[in-house]
Amino acid sequence: MDLRARHCIPCEGGVPKLDAARVRELRGEIPAWEAREDKLHRTFRFRDFKAAMQFVDRMAAVAEAEGHHPDFAVHYNRVDVTVWTHAIEALSENDFILAAKIDALVS
């Protein structure tokens, strides 16, 4: 099933982190993201600050709707995004779902 069609499931901890094989499998669906240190990372580039902030606003709306919130930093026309499941301090399927939805904002 397409990750963009799925929804994040609330996580309060107590679920196991994804193993390396499952991370590799899911990464195939979000190839622009890098998986390291139990987190997903991606840098987005835009023509200017205004475009970067418009992306951040759209990303915030998606994250809030999913109840799963990324960390990000804006550097003029660049937005660095990091996603992981804070409750387990590692990757869960929610992270890949959110990453796919964020990718859809720029495709």
PDB file of N, CA and C in Angstrom:
ATOM      1  N   MET A   1       0.845  -1.188   0.000  1.00  0.00           N
ATOM      2  CA  MET A   1       0.000   0.000   0.000  1.00  0.00           C
ATOM      3  C   MET A   1       0.886   1.245   0.000  1.00  0.00           C
ATOM      4  N   ASP A   2       0.506   2.219  -0.793  1.00  0.00           N
ATOM      5  CA  ASP A   2       1.221   3.480  -0.890  1.00  0.00           C
ATOM      6  C   ASP A   2       1.258   4.152   0.482  1.00  0.00           C
ATOM      7  N   LEU A   3       2.448   4.522   0.920  1.00  0.00           N
ATOM      8  CA  LEU A   3       2.586   5.164   2.240  1.00  0.00           C
ATOM      9  C   LEU A   3       1.751   6.431   2.350  1.00  0.00           C
ATOM     10  N   ARG A   4       1.606   7.166   1.248  1.00  0.00           N
ATOM     11  CA  ARG A   4       0.840   8.423   1.289  1.00  0.00           C
ATOM     12  C   ARG A   4      -0.636   8.190   1.574  1.00  0.00           C
ATOM     13  N   ALA A   5      -1.131   6.991   1.305  1.00  0.00           N
ATOM     14  CA  ALA A   5      -2.544   6.671   1.533  1.00  0.00           C
ATOM     15  C   ALA A   5      -2.802   6.213   2.969  1.00  0.00           C
ATOM     16  N   ARG A   6      -1.755   5.962   3.711  1.00  0.00           N
ATOM     17  CA  ARG A   6      -1.893   5.486   5.093  1.00  0.00           C
ATOM     18  C   ARG A   6      -1.912   6.656   6.057  1.00  0.00           C
ATOM     19  N   HIS A   7      -2.262   6.377   7.300  1.00  0.00           N
ATOM     20  CA  HIS A   7      -2.269   7.405   8.343  1.00  0.00           C
ATOM     21  C   HIS A   7      -1.442   6.946   9.530  1.00  0.00           C
ATOM     22  N   CYS A   8      -0.834   7.901  10.199  1.00  0.00           N
ATOM     23  CA  CYS A   8      -0.032   7.606  11.382  1.00  0.00           C
ATOM     24  C   CYS A   8      -0.940   7.085  12.493  1.00  0.00           C
ATOM     25  N   ILE A   9      -0.414   6.136  13.232  1.00  0.00           N
ATOM     26  CA  ILE A   9      -1.114   5.561  14.376  1.00  0.00           C
ATOM     27  C   ILE A   9      -0.478   6.142  15.634  1.00  0.00           C
ATOM     28  N   PRO A  10      -1.286   6.708  16.530  1.00  0.00           N
ATOM     29  CA  PRO A  10      -0.694   7.291  17.745  1.00  0.00           C
ATOM     30  C   PRO A  10       0.218   6.298  18.456  1.00  0.00           C
ATOM     31  N   CYS A  11       1.373   6.790  18.879  1.00  0.00           N
ATOM     32  CA  CYS A  11       2.360   5.949  19.554  1.00  0.00           C
ATOM     33  C   CYS A  11       2.747   6.610  20.870  1.00  0.00           C
ATOM     34  N   GLU A  12       2.525   5.909  21.937  1.00  0.00           N
ATOM     35  CA  GLU A  12       2.901   6.400  23.260  1.00  0.00           C
ATOM     36  C   GLU A  12       4.095   5.622  23.804  1.00  0.00           C
ATOM     37  N   GLY A  13       4.776   4.908  22.941  1.00  0.00           N
ATOM     38  CA  GLY A  13       5.902   4.086  23.377  1.00  0.00           C
ATOM     39  C   GLY A  13       5.448   2.649  23.506  1.00  0.00           C
ATOM     40  N   GLY A  14       6.371   1.790  23.868  1.00  0.00           N
ATOM     41  CA  GLY A  14       6.049   0.395  24.066  1.00  0.00           C
ATOM     42  C   GLY A  14       5.990  -0.422  22.784  1.00  0.00           C
ATOM     43  N   VAL A  15       6.227   0.204  21.644  1.00  0.00           N
ATOM     44  CA  VAL A  15       6.295  -0.546  20.393  1.00  0.00           C
ATOM     45  C   VAL A  15       7.764  -0.679  20.013  1.00  0.00           C
ATOM     46  N   PRO A  16       8.120  -1.790  19.398  1.00  0.00           N
ATOM     47  CA  PRO A  16       9.534  -1.952  19.032  1.00  0.00           C
ATOM     48  C   PRO A  16       9.912  -1.050  17.861  1.00  0.00           C
ATOM     49  N   LYS A  17      11.182  -0.658  17.847  1.00  0.00           N
ATOM     50  CA  LYS A  17      11.673   0.120  16.714  1.00  0.00           C
ATOM     51  C   LYS A  17      11.771  -0.805  15.510  1.00  0.00           C
ATOM     52  N   LEU A  18      11.750  -0.217  14.327  1.00  0.00           N
ATOM     53  CA  LEU A  18      11.873  -1.016  13.112  1.00  0.00           C
ATOM     54  C   LEU A  18      13.273  -1.607  13.006  1.00  0.00           C
ATOM     55  N   ASP A  19      13.342  -2.852  12.529  1.00  0.00           N
ATOM     56  CA  ASP A  19      14.653  -3.453  12.328  1.00  0.00           C
ATOM     57  C   ASP A  19      15.243  -2.956  11.006  1.00  0.00           C
ATOM     58  N   ALA A  20      16.516  -3.197  10.806  1.00  0.00           N
ATOM     59  CA  ALA A  20      17.250  -2.667   9.649  1.00  0.00           C
ATOM     60  C   ALA A  20      16.635  -3.134   8.330  1.00  0.00           C
ATOM     61  N   ALA A  21      16.164  -4.368   8.266  1.00  0.00           N
ATOM     62  CA  ALA A  21      15.579  -4.876   7.027  1.00  0.00           C
ATOM     63  C   ALA A  21      14.299  -4.121   6.671  1.00  0.00           C
ATOM     64  N   ARG A  22      13.462  -3.847   7.656  1.00  0.00           N
ATOM     65  CA  ARG A  22      12.214  -3.116   7.401  1.00  0.00           C
ATOM     66  C   ARG A  22      12.511  -1.657   7.043  1.00  0.00           C
ATOM     67  N   VAL A  23      13.512  -1.065   7.672  1.00  0.00           N
ATOM     68  CA  VAL A  23      13.912   0.306   7.328  1.00  0.00           C
ATOM     69  C   VAL A  23      14.349   0.355   5.866  1.00  0.00           C
ATOM     70  N   ARG A  24      15.173  -0.604   5.428  1.00  0.00           N
ATOM     71  CA  ARG A  24      15.627  -0.648   4.030  1.00  0.00           C
ATOM     72  C   ARG A  24      14.437  -0.793   3.079  1.00  0.00           C
ATOM     73  N   GLU A  25      13.509  -1.658   3.445  1.00  0.00           N
ATOM     74  CA  GLU A  25      12.329  -1.885   2.609  1.00  0.00           C
ATOM     75  C   GLU A  25      11.503  -0.596   2.459  1.00  0.00           C
ATOM     76  N   LEU A  26      11.212   0.055   3.561  1.00  0.00           N
ATOM     77  CA  LEU A  26      10.405   1.273   3.523  1.00  0.00           C
ATOM     78  C   LEU A  26      11.154   2.437   2.873  1.00  0.00           C
ATOM     79  N   ARG A  27      12.461   2.476   3.030  1.00  0.00           N
ATOM     80  CA  ARG A  27      13.262   3.536   2.408  1.00  0.00           C
ATOM     81  C   ARG A  27      13.124   3.513   0.900  1.00  0.00           C
ATOM     82  N   GLY A  28      12.858   2.334   0.340  1.00  0.00           N
ATOM     83  CA  GLY A  28      12.642   2.223  -1.101  1.00  0.00           C
ATOM     84  C   GLY A  28      11.469   3.061  -1.583  1.00  0.00           C
ATOM     85  N   GLU A  29      10.546   3.369  -0.683  1.00  0.00           N
ATOM     86  CA  GLU A  29       9.378   4.168  -1.039  1.00  0.00           C
ATOM     87  C   GLU A  29       9.631   5.673  -0.868  1.00  0.00           C
ATOM     88  N   ILE A  30      10.703   6.026  -0.198  1.00  0.00           N
ATOM     89  CA  ILE A  30      11.057   7.445   0.001  1.00  0.00           C
ATOM     90  C   ILE A  30      12.554   7.621  -0.277  1.00  0.00           C
ATOM     91  N   PRO A  31      12.974   7.403  -1.518  1.00  0.00           N
ATOM     92  CA  PRO A  31      14.407   7.351  -1.826  1.00  0.00           C
ATOM     93  C   PRO A  31      15.188   8.636  -1.580  1.00  0.00           C
ATOM     94  N   ALA A  32      14.533   9.772  -1.514  1.00  0.00           N
ATOM     95  CA  ALA A  32      15.254  11.031  -1.295  1.00  0.00           C
ATOM     96  C   ALA A  32      15.656  11.221   0.166  1.00  0.00           C
ATOM     97  N   TRP A  33      15.126  10.402   1.051  1.00  0.00           N
ATOM     98  CA  TRP A  33      15.431  10.516   2.483  1.00  0.00           C
ATOM     99  C   TRP A  33      16.606   9.631   2.844  1.00  0.00           C
ATOM    100  N   GLU A  34      17.364  10.069   3.823  1.00  0.00           N
ATOM    101  CA  GLU A  34      18.484   9.296   4.355  1.00  0.00           C
ATOM    102  C   GLU A  34      18.090   8.774   5.731  1.00  0.00           C
ATOM    103  N   ALA A  35      18.368   7.504   5.987  1.00  0.00           N
ATOM    104  CA  ALA A  35      18.108   6.918   7.302  1.00  0.00           C
ATOM    105  C   ALA A  35      19.442   6.758   8.017  1.00  0.00           C
ATOM    106  N   ARG A  36      19.567   7.449   9.159  1.00  0.00           N
ATOM    107  CA  ARG A  36      20.777   7.304   9.981  1.00  0.00           C
ATOM    108  C   ARG A  36      20.440   7.652  11.426  1.00  0.00           C
ATOM    109  N   GLU A  37      21.128   6.969  12.313  1.00  0.00           N
ATOM    110  CA  GLU A  37      20.963   7.201  13.754  1.00  0.00           C
ATOM    111  C   GLU A  37      19.500   7.127  14.186  1.00  0.00           C
ATOM    112  N   ASP A  38      18.769   6.129  13.645  1.00  0.00           N
ATOM    113  CA  ASP A  38      17.358   5.910  13.983  1.00  0.00           C
ATOM    114  C   ASP A  38      16.472   7.110  13.676  1.00  0.00           C
ATOM    115  N   LYS A  39      16.833   7.857  12.620  1.00  0.00           N
ATOM    116  CA  LYS A  39      16.044   9.015  12.189  1.00  0.00           C
ATOM    117  C   LYS A  39      16.079   9.091  10.671  1.00  0.00           C
ATOM    118  N   LEU A  40      15.083   9.764  10.089  1.00  0.00           N
ATOM    119  CA  LEU A  40      15.058  10.063   8.672  1.00  0.00           C
ATOM    120  C   LEU A  40      15.433  11.528   8.483  1.00  0.00           C
ATOM    121  N   HIS A  41      16.251  11.805   7.463  1.00  0.00           N
ATOM    122  CA  HIS A  41      16.715  13.171   7.195  1.00  0.00           C
ATOM    123  C   HIS A  41      16.545  13.489   5.716  1.00  0.00           C
ATOM    124  N   ARG A  42      16.127  14.715   5.449  1.00  0.00           N
ATOM    125  CA  ARG A  42      16.069  15.195   4.066  1.00  0.00           C
ATOM    126  C   ARG A  42      16.211  16.715   4.055  1.00  0.00           C
ATOM    127  N   THR A  43      16.895  17.216   3.031  1.00  0.00           N
ATOM    128  CA  THR A  43      17.015  18.650   2.810  1.00  0.00           C
ATOM    129  C   THR A  43      16.218  19.015   1.567  1.00  0.00           C
ATOM    130  N   PHE A  44      15.379  20.012   1.702  1.00  0.00           N
ATOM    131  CA  PHE A  44      14.583  20.543   0.596  1.00  0.00           C
ATOM    132  C   PHE A  44      15.139  21.909   0.235  1.00  0.00           C
ATOM    133  N   ARG A  45      15.232  22.212  -1.054  1.00  0.00           N
ATOM    134  CA  ARG A  45      15.730  23.511  -1.512  1.00  0.00           C
ATOM    135  C   ARG A  45      14.637  24.211  -2.311  1.00  0.00           C
ATOM    136  N   PHE A  46      14.555  25.530  -2.123  1.00  0.00           N
ATOM    137  CA  PHE A  46      13.531  26.345  -2.762  1.00  0.00           C
ATOM    138  C   PHE A  46      14.162  27.573  -3.394  1.00  0.00           C
ATOM    139  N   ARG A  47      13.395  28.296  -4.190  1.00  0.00           N
ATOM    140  CA  ARG A  47      13.951  29.449  -4.907  1.00  0.00           C
ATOM    141  C   ARG A  47      14.285  30.599  -3.968  1.00  0.00           C
ATOM    142  N   ASP A  48      13.548  30.714  -2.831  1.00  0.00           N
ATOM    143  CA  ASP A  48      13.788  31.816  -1.906  1.00  0.00           C
ATOM    144  C   ASP A  48      13.160  31.502  -0.544  1.00  0.00           C
ATOM    145  N   PHE A  49      13.306  32.432   0.369  1.00  0.00           N
ATOM    146  CA  PHE A  49      12.792  32.255   1.733  1.00  0.00           C
ATOM    147  C   PHE A  49      11.275  32.098   1.748  1.00  0.00           C
ATOM    148  N   LYS A  50      10.577  32.904   0.980  1.00  0.00           N
ATOM    149  CA  LYS A  50       9.112  32.831   0.958  1.00  0.00           C
ATOM    150  C   LYS A  50       8.638  31.438   0.542  1.00  0.00           C
ATOM    151  N   ALA A  51       9.234  30.876  -0.491  1.00  0.00           N
ATOM    152  CA  ALA A  51       8.858  29.532  -0.942  1.00  0.00           C
ATOM    153  C   ALA A  51       9.174  28.492   0.126  1.00  0.00           C
ATOM    154  N   ALA A  52      10.302  28.641   0.805  1.00  0.00           N
ATOM    155  CA  ALA A  52      10.661  27.714   1.883  1.00  0.00           C
ATOM    156  C   ALA A  52       9.625  27.770   3.004  1.00  0.00           C
ATOM    157  N   MET A  53       9.202  28.970   3.363  1.00  0.00           N
ATOM    158  CA  MET A  53       8.224  29.117   4.441  1.00  0.00           C
ATOM    159  C   MET A  53       6.836  28.618   4.030  1.00  0.00           C
ATOM    160  N   GLN A  54       6.490  28.762   2.771  1.00  0.00           N
ATOM    161  CA  GLN A  54       5.219  28.210   2.301  1.00  0.00           C
ATOM    162  C   GLN A  54       5.237  26.685   2.425  1.00  0.00           C
ATOM    163  N   PHE A  55       6.370  26.077   2.083  1.00  0.00           N
ATOM    164  CA  PHE A  55       6.528  24.634   2.263  1.00  0.00           C
ATOM    165  C   PHE A  55       6.388  24.259   3.738  1.00  0.00           C
ATOM    166  N   VAL A  56       7.039  25.000   4.620  1.00  0.00           N
ATOM    167  CA  VAL A  56       6.963  24.715   6.057  1.00  0.00           C
ATOM    168  C   VAL A  56       5.510  24.789   6.534  1.00  0.00           C
ATOM    169  N   ASP A  57       4.762  25.773   6.074  1.00  0.00           N
ATOM    170  CA  ASP A  57       3.351  25.888   6.459  1.00  0.00           C
ATOM    171  C   ASP A  57       2.551  24.668   6.004  1.00  0.00           C
ATOM    172  N   ARG A  58       2.785  24.223   4.769  1.00  0.00           N
ATOM    173  CA  ARG A  58       2.074  23.031   4.263  1.00  0.00           C
ATOM    174  C   ARG A  58       2.507  21.783   5.033  1.00  0.00           C
ATOM    175  N   MET A  59       3.804  21.685   5.327  1.00  0.00           N
ATOM    176  CA  MET A  59       4.314  20.543   6.086  1.00  0.00           C
ATOM    177  C   MET A  59       3.697  20.516   7.480  1.00  0.00           C
ATOM    178  N   ALA A  60       3.583  21.670   8.110  1.00  0.00           N
ATOM    179  CA  ALA A  60       2.993  21.745   9.450  1.00  0.00           C
ATOM    180  C   ALA A  60       1.540  21.277   9.435  1.00  0.00           C
ATOM    181  N   ALA A  61       0.802  21.630   8.407  1.00  0.00           N
ATOM    182  CA  ALA A  61      -0.596  21.212   8.311  1.00  0.00           C
ATOM    183  C   ALA A  61      -0.710  19.695   8.180  1.00  0.00           C
ATOM    184  N   VAL A  62       0.149  19.104   7.358  1.00  0.00           N
ATOM    185  CA  VAL A  62       0.147  17.649   7.187  1.00  0.00           C
ATOM    186  C   VAL A  62       0.539  16.972   8.498  1.00  0.00           C
ATOM    187  N   ALA A  63       1.593  17.469   9.136  1.00  0.00           N
ATOM    188  CA  ALA A  63       2.067  16.869  10.388  1.00  0.00           C
ATOM    189  C   ALA A  63       0.991  16.943  11.471  1.00  0.00           C
ATOM    190  N   GLU A  64       0.337  18.064  11.572  1.00  0.00           N
ATOM    191  CA  GLU A  64      -0.710  18.218  12.585  1.00  0.00           C
ATOM    192  C   GLU A  64      -1.871  17.274  12.301  1.00  0.00           C
ATOM    193  N   ALA A  65      -2.259  17.132  11.037  1.00  0.00           N
ATOM    194  CA  ALA A  65      -3.344  16.218  10.670  1.00  0.00           C
ATOM    195  C   ALA A  65      -2.993  14.775  11.013  1.00  0.00           C
ATOM    196  N   GLU A  66      -1.714  14.436  10.906  1.00  0.00           N
ATOM    197  CA  GLU A  66      -1.265  13.070  11.210  1.00  0.00           C
ATOM    198  C   GLU A  66      -0.929  12.882  12.690  1.00  0.00           C
ATOM    199  N   GLY A  67      -0.824  13.965  13.436  1.00  0.00           N
ATOM    200  CA  GLY A  67      -0.446  13.846  14.846  1.00  0.00           C
ATOM    201  C   GLY A  67       0.978  13.344  15.012  1.00  0.00           C
ATOM    202  N   HIS A  68       1.823  13.651  14.034  1.00  0.00           N
ATOM    203  CA  HIS A  68       3.207  13.180  14.048  1.00  0.00           C
ATOM    204  C   HIS A  68       4.064  14.333  13.531  1.00  0.00           C
ATOM    205  N   HIS A  69       4.959  14.833  14.342  1.00  0.00           N
ATOM    206  CA  HIS A  69       5.588  16.116  14.067  1.00  0.00           C
ATOM    207  C   HIS A  69       7.093  15.999  13.835  1.00  0.00           C
ATOM    208  N   PRO A  70       7.568  16.544  12.696  1.00  0.00           N
ATOM    209  CA  PRO A  70       9.000  16.501  12.402  1.00  0.00           C
ATOM    210  C   PRO A  70       9.735  17.644  13.090  1.00  0.00           C
ATOM    211  N   ASP A  71      11.025  17.506  13.166  1.00  0.00           N
ATOM    212  CA  ASP A  71      11.889  18.629  13.530  1.00  0.00           C
ATOM    213  C   ASP A  71      12.374  19.223  12.209  1.00  0.00           C
ATOM    214  N   PHE A  72      12.562  20.539  12.183  1.00  0.00           N
ATOM    215  CA  PHE A  72      13.044  21.156  10.953  1.00  0.00           C
ATOM    216  C   PHE A  72      13.778  22.448  11.285  1.00  0.00           C
ATOM    217  N   ALA A  73      14.607  22.852  10.328  1.00  0.00           N
ATOM    218  CA  ALA A  73      15.321  24.119  10.430  1.00  0.00           C
ATOM    219  C   ALA A  73      15.281  24.784   9.069  1.00  0.00           C
ATOM    220  N   VAL A  74      14.996  26.079   9.067  1.00  0.00           N
ATOM    221  CA  VAL A  74      14.945  26.849   7.830  1.00  0.00           C
ATOM    222  C   VAL A  74      16.227  27.670   7.731  1.00  0.00           C
ATOM    223  N   HIS A  75      16.870  27.575   6.579  1.00  0.00           N
ATOM    224  CA  HIS A  75      18.089  28.334   6.299  1.00  0.00           C
ATOM    225  C   HIS A  75      17.874  29.056   4.968  1.00  0.00           C
ATOM    226  N   TYR A  76      17.216  30.177   5.010  1.00  0.00           N
ATOM    227  CA  TYR A  76      16.840  30.999   3.868  1.00  0.00           C
ATOM    228  C   TYR A  76      16.034  30.199   2.847  1.00  0.00           C
ATOM    229  N   ASN A  77      16.667  29.523   1.891  1.00  0.00           N
ATOM    230  CA  ASN A  77      15.929  28.790   0.866  1.00  0.00           C
ATOM    231  C   ASN A  77      16.054  27.274   1.024  1.00  0.00           C
ATOM    232  N   ARG A  78      16.523  26.842   2.172  1.00  0.00           N
ATOM    233  CA  ARG A  78      16.734  25.422   2.449  1.00  0.00           C
ATOM    234  C   ARG A  78      15.984  25.055   3.717  1.00  0.00           C
ATOM    235  N   VAL A  79      15.334  23.883   3.694  1.00  0.00           N
ATOM    236  CA  VAL A  79      14.647  23.379   4.884  1.00  0.00           C
ATOM    237  C   VAL A  79      15.187  21.981   5.156  1.00  0.00           C
ATOM    238  N   ASP A  80      15.817  21.811   6.314  1.00  0.00           N
ATOM    239  CA  ASP A  80      16.304  20.509   6.749  1.00  0.00           C
ATOM    240  C   ASP A  80      15.232  19.891   7.640  1.00  0.00           C
ATOM    241  N   VAL A  81      14.817  18.671   7.305  1.00  0.00           N
ATOM    242  CA  VAL A  81      13.735  18.002   8.032  1.00  0.00           C
ATOM    243  C   VAL A  81      14.261  16.694   8.618  1.00  0.00           C
ATOM    244  N   THR A  82      13.914  16.437   9.870  1.00  0.00           N
ATOM    245  CA  THR A  82      14.256  15.192  10.547  1.00  0.00           C
ATOM    246  C   THR A  82      12.988  14.606  11.145  1.00  0.00           C
ATOM    247  N   VAL A  83      12.792  13.312  10.899  1.00  0.00           N
ATOM    248  CA  VAL A  83      11.588  12.629  11.377  1.00  0.00           C
ATOM    249  C   VAL A  83      12.010  11.376  12.136  1.00  0.00           C
ATOM    250  N   TRP A  84      11.423  11.199  13.296  1.00  0.00           N
ATOM    251  CA  TRP A  84      11.567   9.952  14.056  1.00  0.00           C
ATOM    252  C   TRP A  84      10.452   9.912  15.079  1.00  0.00           C
ATOM    253  N   THR A  85      10.250   8.756  15.660  1.00  0.00           N
ATOM    254  CA  THR A  85       9.197   8.601  16.659  1.00  0.00           C
ATOM    255  C   THR A  85       9.798   8.881  18.022  1.00  0.00           C
ATOM    256  N   HIS A  86       9.461  10.036  18.556  1.00  0.00           N
ATOM    257  CA  HIS A  86      10.043  10.484  19.822  1.00  0.00           C
ATOM    258  C   HIS A  86       9.766   9.508  20.965  1.00  0.00           C
ATOM    259  N   ALA A  87       8.581   8.916  20.981  1.00  0.00           N
ATOM    260  CA  ALA A  87       8.192   8.042  22.095  1.00  0.00           C
ATOM    261  C   ALA A  87       9.076   6.802  22.211  1.00  0.00           C
ATOM    262  N   ILE A  88       9.665   6.360  21.091  1.00  0.00           N
ATOM    263  CA  ILE A  88      10.544   5.184  21.147  1.00  0.00           C
ATOM    264  C   ILE A  88      11.987   5.539  20.799  1.00  0.00           C
ATOM    265  N   GLU A  89      12.240   6.836  20.517  1.00  0.00           N
ATOM    266  CA  GLU A  89      13.583   7.308  20.167  1.00  0.00           C
ATOM    267  C   GLU A  89      14.193   6.489  19.024  1.00  0.00           C
ATOM    268  N   ALA A  90      13.350   6.178  18.029  1.00  0.00           N
ATOM    269  CA  ALA A  90      13.793   5.379  16.890  1.00  0.00           C
ATOM    270  C   ALA A  90      12.763   5.529  15.776  1.00  0.00           C
ATOM    271  N   LEU A  91      12.929   4.717  14.732  1.00  0.00           N
ATOM    272  CA  LEU A  91      12.019   4.773  13.596  1.00  0.00           C
ATOM    273  C   LEU A  91      10.855   3.808  13.756  1.00  0.00           C
ATOM    274  N   SER A  92       9.678   4.302  13.391  1.00  0.00           N
ATOM    275  CA  SER A  92       8.474   3.473  13.293  1.00  0.00           C
ATOM    276  C   SER A  92       7.893   3.697  11.901  1.00  0.00           C
ATOM    277  N   GLU A  93       6.882   2.932  11.534  1.00  0.00           N
ATOM    278  CA  GLU A  93       6.266   3.118  10.222  1.00  0.00           C
ATOM    279  C   GLU A  93       5.674   4.517  10.090  1.00  0.00           C
ATOM    280  N   ASN A  94       5.250   5.122  11.195  1.00  0.00           N
ATOM    281  CA  ASN A  94       4.714   6.481  11.143  1.00  0.00           C
ATOM    282  C   ASN A  94       5.689   7.448  10.486  1.00  0.00           C
ATOM    283  N   ASP A  95       6.961   7.272  10.739  1.00  0.00           N
ATOM    284  CA  ASP A  95       7.973   8.178  10.195  1.00  0.00           C
ATOM    285  C   ASP A  95       8.018   8.101   8.672  1.00  0.00           C
ATOM    286  N   PHE A  96       7.882   6.924   8.135  1.00  0.00           N
ATOM    287  CA  PHE A  96       7.895   6.736   6.687  1.00  0.00           C
ATOM    288  C   PHE A  96       6.612   7.256   6.058  1.00  0.00           C
ATOM    289  N   ILE A  97       5.504   7.087   6.741  1.00  0.00           N
ATOM    290  CA  ILE A  97       4.233   7.639   6.269  1.00  0.00           C
ATOM    291  C   ILE A  97       4.330   9.157   6.187  1.00  0.00           C
ATOM    292  N   LEU A  98       4.809   9.790   7.257  1.00  0.00           N
ATOM    293  CA  LEU A  98       4.920  11.245   7.255  1.00  0.00           C
ATOM    294  C   LEU A  98       5.917  11.718   6.199  1.00  0.00           C
ATOM    295  N   ALA A  99       7.042  11.045   6.068  1.00  0.00           N
ATOM    296  CA  ALA A  99       8.040  11.433   5.058  1.00  0.00           C
ATOM    297  C   ALA A  99       7.436  11.374   3.658  1.00  0.00           C
ATOM    298  N   ALA A 100       6.673  10.336   3.372  1.00  0.00           N
ATOM    299  CA  ALA A 100       6.031  10.213   2.057  1.00  0.00           C
ATOM    300  C   ALA A 100       5.035  11.344   1.822  1.00  0.00           C
ATOM    301  N   LYS A 101       4.305  11.707   2.849  1.00  0.00           N
ATOM    302  CA  LYS A 101       3.341  12.808   2.725  1.00  0.00           C
ATOM    303  C   LYS A 101       4.060  14.147   2.548  1.00  0.00           C
ATOM    304  N   ILE A 102       5.184  14.314   3.198  1.00  0.00           N
ATOM    305  CA  ILE A 102       5.975  15.535   3.024  1.00  0.00           C
ATOM    306  C   ILE A 102       6.529  15.584   1.602  1.00  0.00           C
ATOM    307  N   ASP A 103       7.022  14.460   1.102  1.00  0.00           N
ATOM    308  CA  ASP A 103       7.506  14.420  -0.286  1.00  0.00           C
ATOM    309  C   ASP A 103       6.428  14.843  -1.265  1.00  0.00           C
ATOM    310  N   ALA A 104       5.195  14.430  -1.018  1.00  0.00           N
ATOM    311  CA  ALA A 104       4.092  14.749  -1.928  1.00  0.00           C
ATOM    312  C   ALA A 104       3.850  16.261  -2.022  1.00  0.00           C
ATOM    313  N   LEU A 105       4.305  17.011  -1.034  1.00  0.00           N
ATOM    314  CA  LEU A 105       4.117  18.461  -1.046  1.00  0.00           C
ATOM    315  C   LEU A 105       4.986  19.139  -2.104  1.00  0.00           C
ATOM    316  N   VAL A 106       6.059  18.494  -2.516  1.00  0.00           N
ATOM    317  CA  VAL A 106       6.979  19.102  -3.479  1.00  0.00           C
ATOM    318  C   VAL A 106       7.028  18.369  -4.807  1.00  0.00           C
ATOM    319  N   SER A 107       6.247  17.316  -4.948  1.00  0.00           N
ATOM    320  CA  SER A 107       6.296  16.555  -6.218  1.00  0.00           C
ATOM    321  C   SER A 107       5.309  17.086  -7.218  1.00  0.00           C
TER     322      SER A 107
END
